[in-house]
PDB file of all heavy atoms in Angstrom:
ATOM      1  N   SER A   1     -35.016 -10.767  44.851  1.00  0.00           N
ATOM      2  CA  SER A   1     -33.727 -11.001  45.536  1.00  0.00           C
ATOM      3  C   SER A   1     -32.870 -12.016  44.805  1.00  0.00           C
ATOM      4  O   SER A   1     -31.684 -12.148  45.135  1.00  0.00           O
ATOM      5  CB  SER A   1     -33.962 -11.456  46.976  1.00  0.00           C
ATOM      6  OG  SER A   1     -34.689 -12.661  47.028  1.00  0.00           O
ATOM      7  N   CYS A   2     -33.432 -12.777  43.881  1.00  0.00           N
ATOM      8  CA  CYS A   2     -32.658 -13.821  43.207  1.00  0.00           C
ATOM      9  C   CYS A   2     -33.277 -14.207  41.905  1.00  0.00           C
ATOM     10  O   CYS A   2     -34.350 -13.681  41.537  1.00  0.00           O
ATOM     11  CB  CYS A   2     -32.518 -15.042  44.141  1.00  0.00           C
ATOM     12  SG  CYS A   2     -34.110 -15.858  44.454  1.00  0.00           S
ATOM     13  N   ALA A   3     -32.677 -15.133  41.200  1.00  0.00           N
ATOM     14  CA  ALA A   3     -33.178 -15.574  39.889  1.00  0.00           C
ATOM     15  C   ALA A   3     -34.531 -16.273  40.009  1.00  0.00           C
ATOM     16  O   ALA A   3     -35.341 -16.248  39.063  1.00  0.00           O
ATOM     17  CB  ALA A   3     -32.168 -16.512  39.254  1.00  0.00           C
ATOM     18  N   ALA A   4     -34.813 -16.919  41.154  1.00  0.00           N
ATOM     19  CA  ALA A   4     -36.080 -17.556  41.332  1.00  0.00           C
ATOM     20  C   ALA A   4     -37.219 -16.518  41.379  1.00  0.00           C
ATOM     21  O   ALA A   4     -38.295 -16.710  40.813  1.00  0.00           O
ATOM     22  CB  ALA A   4     -36.123 -18.369  42.612  1.00  0.00           C
ATOM     23  N   CYS A   5     -36.948 -15.381  41.992  1.00  0.00           N
ATOM     24  CA  CYS A   5     -37.907 -14.267  42.023  1.00  0.00           C
ATOM     25  C   CYS A   5     -38.146 -13.777  40.599  1.00  0.00           C
ATOM     26  O   CYS A   5     -39.301 -13.543  40.191  1.00  0.00           O
ATOM     27  CB  CYS A   5     -37.396 -13.108  42.876  1.00  0.00           C
ATOM     28  SG  CYS A   5     -37.062 -13.526  44.619  1.00  0.00           S
ATOM     29  N   GLN A   6     -37.069 -13.609  39.884  1.00  0.00           N
ATOM     30  CA  GLN A   6     -37.145 -13.123  38.498  1.00  0.00           C
ATOM     31  C   GLN A   6     -38.026 -14.079  37.645  1.00  0.00           C
ATOM     32  O   GLN A   6     -38.889 -13.594  36.901  1.00  0.00           O
ATOM     33  CB  GLN A   6     -35.715 -13.059  37.950  1.00  0.00           C
ATOM     34  CG  GLN A   6     -35.571 -12.647  36.551  1.00  0.00           C
ATOM     35  CD  GLN A   6     -34.103 -12.616  36.136  1.00  0.00           C
ATOM     36  OE1 GLN A   6     -33.314 -11.814  36.638  1.00  0.00           O
ATOM     37  NE2 GLN A   6     -33.734 -13.481  35.204  1.00  0.00           N
ATOM     38  N   ALA A   7     -37.773 -15.344  37.779  1.00  0.00           N
ATOM     39  CA  ALA A   7     -38.555 -16.320  36.996  1.00  0.00           C
ATOM     40  C   ALA A   7     -40.031 -16.308  37.407  1.00  0.00           C
ATOM     41  O   ALA A   7     -40.915 -16.447  36.603  1.00  0.00           O
ATOM     42  CB  ALA A   7     -37.964 -17.720  37.171  1.00  0.00           C
ATOM     43  N   ARG A   8     -40.287 -16.140  38.712  1.00  0.00           N
ATOM     44  CA  ARG A   8     -41.673 -16.063  39.209  1.00  0.00           C
ATOM     45  C   ARG A   8     -42.419 -14.880  38.612  1.00  0.00           C
ATOM     46  O   ARG A   8     -43.577 -15.023  38.180  1.00  0.00           O
ATOM     47  CB  ARG A   8     -41.652 -15.968  40.751  1.00  0.00           C
ATOM     48  CG  ARG A   8     -42.972 -15.661  41.384  1.00  0.00           C
ATOM     49  CD  ARG A   8     -43.903 -16.813  41.341  1.00  0.00           C
ATOM     50  NE  ARG A   8     -45.111 -16.513  42.086  1.00  0.00           N
ATOM     51  CZ  ARG A   8     -46.235 -17.268  42.091  1.00  0.00           C
ATOM     52  NH1 ARG A   8     -46.284 -18.325  41.349  1.00  0.00           N
ATOM     53  NH2 ARG A   8     -47.256 -16.942  42.838  1.00  0.00           N
ATOM     54  N   VAL A   9     -41.803 -13.708  38.571  1.00  0.00           N
ATOM     55  CA  VAL A   9     -42.414 -12.531  37.958  1.00  0.00           C
ATOM     56  C   VAL A   9     -42.685 -12.729  36.521  1.00  0.00           C
ATOM     57  O   VAL A   9     -43.770 -12.395  36.003  1.00  0.00           O
ATOM     58  CB  VAL A   9     -41.534 -11.273  38.227  1.00  0.00           C
ATOM     59  CG1 VAL A   9     -42.086 -10.085  37.484  1.00  0.00           C
ATOM     60  CG2 VAL A   9     -41.439 -10.973  39.710  1.00  0.00           C
ATOM     61  N   GLU A  10     -41.733 -13.308  35.784  1.00  0.00           N
ATOM     62  CA  GLU A  10     -41.929 -13.526  34.373  1.00  0.00           C
ATOM     63  C   GLU A  10     -43.070 -14.487  34.078  1.00  0.00           C
ATOM     64  O   GLU A  10     -43.898 -14.208  33.168  1.00  0.00           O
ATOM     65  CB  GLU A  10     -40.632 -14.098  33.769  1.00  0.00           C
ATOM     66  CG  GLU A  10     -39.511 -13.064  33.633  1.00  0.00           C
ATOM     67  CD  GLU A  10     -38.345 -13.607  32.858  1.00  0.00           C
ATOM     68  OE1 GLU A  10     -38.275 -14.847  32.671  1.00  0.00           O
ATOM     69  OE2 GLU A  10     -37.474 -12.829  32.454  1.00  0.00           O
ATOM     70  N   ARG A  11     -43.191 -15.541  34.861  1.00  0.00           N
ATOM     71  CA  ARG A  11     -44.321 -16.475  34.672  1.00  0.00           C
ATOM     72  C   ARG A  11     -45.638 -15.785  34.949  1.00  0.00           C
ATOM     73  O   ARG A  11     -46.628 -16.013  34.219  1.00  0.00           O
ATOM     74  CB  ARG A  11     -44.158 -17.704  35.572  1.00  0.00           C
ATOM     75  CG  ARG A  11     -42.997 -18.611  35.163  1.00  0.00           C
ATOM     76  CD  ARG A  11     -43.151 -20.007  35.829  1.00  0.00           C
ATOM     77  NE  ARG A  11     -43.216 -19.891  37.245  1.00  0.00           N
ATOM     78  CZ  ARG A  11     -42.140 -19.948  38.052  1.00  0.00           C
ATOM     79  NH1 ARG A  11     -40.930 -20.082  37.490  1.00  0.00           N
ATOM     80  NH2 ARG A  11     -42.258 -19.890  39.353  1.00  0.00           N
ATOM     81  N   ALA A  12     -45.689 -14.981  36.000  1.00  0.00           N
ATOM     82  CA  ALA A  12     -46.938 -14.293  36.349  1.00  0.00           C
ATOM     83  C   ALA A  12     -47.407 -13.343  35.257  1.00  0.00           C
ATOM     84  O   ALA A  12     -48.582 -13.293  34.902  1.00  0.00           O
ATOM     85  CB  ALA A  12     -46.808 -13.594  37.679  1.00  0.00           C
ATOM     86  N   VAL A  13     -46.462 -12.568  34.739  1.00  0.00           N
ATOM     87  CA  VAL A  13     -46.823 -11.584  33.728  1.00  0.00           C
ATOM     88  C   VAL A  13     -47.107 -12.236  32.418  1.00  0.00           C
ATOM     89  O   VAL A  13     -47.960 -11.760  31.609  1.00  0.00           O
ATOM     90  CB  VAL A  13     -45.662 -10.535  33.598  1.00  0.00           C
ATOM     91  CG1 VAL A  13     -45.939  -9.569  32.432  1.00  0.00           C
ATOM     92  CG2 VAL A  13     -45.516  -9.759  34.890  1.00  0.00           C
ATOM     93  N   ALA A  14     -46.425 -13.310  32.073  1.00  0.00           N
ATOM     94  CA  ALA A  14     -46.646 -14.031  30.805  1.00  0.00           C
ATOM     95  C   ALA A  14     -48.056 -14.503  30.690  1.00  0.00           C
ATOM     96  O   ALA A  14     -48.590 -14.650  29.572  1.00  0.00           O
ATOM     97  CB  ALA A  14     -45.684 -15.176  30.661  1.00  0.00           C
ATOM     98  N   ASP A  15     -48.749 -14.745  31.819  1.00  0.00           N
ATOM     99  CA  ASP A  15     -50.155 -15.237  31.783  1.00  0.00           C
ATOM    100  C   ASP A  15     -51.164 -14.108  31.630  1.00  0.00           C
ATOM    101  O   ASP A  15     -52.357 -14.394  31.529  1.00  0.00           O
ATOM    102  CB  ASP A  15     -50.415 -16.024  33.052  1.00  0.00           C
ATOM    103  CG  ASP A  15     -49.635 -17.314  33.176  1.00  0.00           C
ATOM    104  OD1 ASP A  15     -49.271 -17.844  32.092  1.00  0.00           O
ATOM    105  OD2 ASP A  15     -49.403 -17.786  34.306  1.00  0.00           O
ATOM    106  N   VAL A  16     -50.738 -12.856  31.636  1.00  0.00           N
ATOM    107  CA  VAL A  16     -51.669 -11.737  31.507  1.00  0.00           C
ATOM    108  C   VAL A  16     -52.127 -11.645  30.036  1.00  0.00           C
ATOM    109  O   VAL A  16     -51.276 -11.675  29.099  1.00  0.00           O
ATOM    110  CB  VAL A  16     -50.996 -10.431  31.927  1.00  0.00           C
ATOM    111  CG1 VAL A  16     -51.906  -9.227  31.668  1.00  0.00           C
ATOM    112  CG2 VAL A  16     -50.625 -10.466  33.414  1.00  0.00           C
ATOM    113  N   PRO A  17     -53.407 -11.514  29.790  1.00  0.00           N
ATOM    114  CA  PRO A  17     -53.898 -11.394  28.402  1.00  0.00           C
ATOM    115  C   PRO A  17     -53.293 -10.176  27.687  1.00  0.00           C
ATOM    116  O   PRO A  17     -53.246  -9.075  28.272  1.00  0.00           O
ATOM    117  CB  PRO A  17     -55.418 -11.237  28.569  1.00  0.00           C
ATOM    118  CG  PRO A  17     -55.723 -11.862  29.898  1.00  0.00           C
ATOM    119  CD  PRO A  17     -54.531 -11.590  30.737  1.00  0.00           C
ATOM    120  N   GLY A  18     -52.815 -10.397  26.482  1.00  0.00           N
ATOM    121  CA  GLY A  18     -52.228  -9.282  25.712  1.00  0.00           C
ATOM    122  C   GLY A  18     -50.745  -9.206  25.787  1.00  0.00           C
ATOM    123  O   GLY A  18     -50.128  -8.429  25.059  1.00  0.00           O
ATOM    124  N   VAL A  19     -50.084 -10.020  26.653  1.00  0.00           N
ATOM    125  CA  VAL A  19     -48.628  -9.985  26.761  1.00  0.00           C
ATOM    126  C   VAL A  19     -48.068 -10.976  25.746  1.00  0.00           C
ATOM    127  O   VAL A  19     -48.354 -12.149  25.765  1.00  0.00           O
ATOM    128  CB  VAL A  19     -48.176 -10.380  28.178  1.00  0.00           C
ATOM    129  CG1 VAL A  19     -46.667 -10.551  28.216  1.00  0.00           C
ATOM    130  CG2 VAL A  19     -48.644  -9.329  29.176  1.00  0.00           C
ATOM    131  N   ASP A  20     -47.250 -10.421  24.817  1.00  0.00           N
ATOM    132  CA  ASP A  20     -46.598 -11.277  23.798  1.00  0.00           C
ATOM    133  C   ASP A  20     -45.302 -11.847  24.305  1.00  0.00           C
ATOM    134  O   ASP A  20     -44.969 -13.000  24.060  1.00  0.00           O
ATOM    135  CB  ASP A  20     -46.364 -10.450  22.540  1.00  0.00           C
ATOM    136  CG  ASP A  20     -47.652  -9.974  21.896  1.00  0.00           C
ATOM    137  OD1 ASP A  20     -48.662 -10.701  22.022  1.00  0.00           O
ATOM    138  OD2 ASP A  20     -47.639  -8.914  21.245  1.00  0.00           O
ATOM    139  N   SER A  21     -44.520 -11.029  25.014  1.00  0.00           N
ATOM    140  CA  SER A  21     -43.279 -11.502  25.630  1.00  0.00           C
ATOM    141  C   SER A  21     -42.932 -10.630  26.801  1.00  0.00           C
ATOM    142  O   SER A  21     -43.343  -9.464  26.875  1.00  0.00           O
ATOM    143  CB  SER A  21     -42.137 -11.484  24.576  1.00  0.00           C
ATOM    144  OG  SER A  21     -41.841 -10.145  24.201  1.00  0.00           O
ATOM    145  N   VAL A  22     -42.163 -11.155  27.734  1.00  0.00           N
ATOM    146  CA  VAL A  22     -41.768 -10.426  28.919  1.00  0.00           C
ATOM    147  C   VAL A  22     -40.364 -10.809  29.291  1.00  0.00           C
ATOM    148  O   VAL A  22     -39.959 -11.972  29.173  1.00  0.00           O
ATOM    149  CB  VAL A  22     -42.726 -10.689  30.099  1.00  0.00           C
ATOM    150  CG1 VAL A  22     -42.836 -12.168  30.403  1.00  0.00           C
ATOM    151  CG2 VAL A  22     -42.287  -9.923  31.355  1.00  0.00           C
ATOM    152  N   ALA A  23     -39.559  -9.839  29.681  1.00  0.00           N
ATOM    153  CA  ALA A  23     -38.195 -10.073  30.147  1.00  0.00           C
ATOM    154  C   ALA A  23     -37.938  -9.251  31.391  1.00  0.00           C
ATOM    155  O   ALA A  23     -38.154  -8.036  31.386  1.00  0.00           O
ATOM    156  CB  ALA A  23     -37.196  -9.673  29.055  1.00  0.00           C
ATOM    157  N   VAL A  24     -37.567  -9.913  32.463  1.00  0.00           N
ATOM    158  CA  VAL A  24     -37.326  -9.282  33.740  1.00  0.00           C
ATOM    159  C   VAL A  24     -35.790  -9.272  33.987  1.00  0.00           C
ATOM    160  O   VAL A  24     -35.153 -10.290  33.833  1.00  0.00           O
ATOM    161  CB  VAL A  24     -38.022  -9.974  34.882  1.00  0.00           C
ATOM    162  CG1 VAL A  24     -37.694  -9.310  36.236  1.00  0.00           C
ATOM    163  CG2 VAL A  24     -39.537  -9.977  34.648  1.00  0.00           C
TER     164      VAL A  24
END
C-alpha cells in the first residue's frame, strides 16, 4: 500500500540465498 511496504518486501527478498539484486 505504500513505499514502506515496498521497502519491506525488498529487504525480505534480498536475504534469500541466490538473490543478486531485487527491485520492487
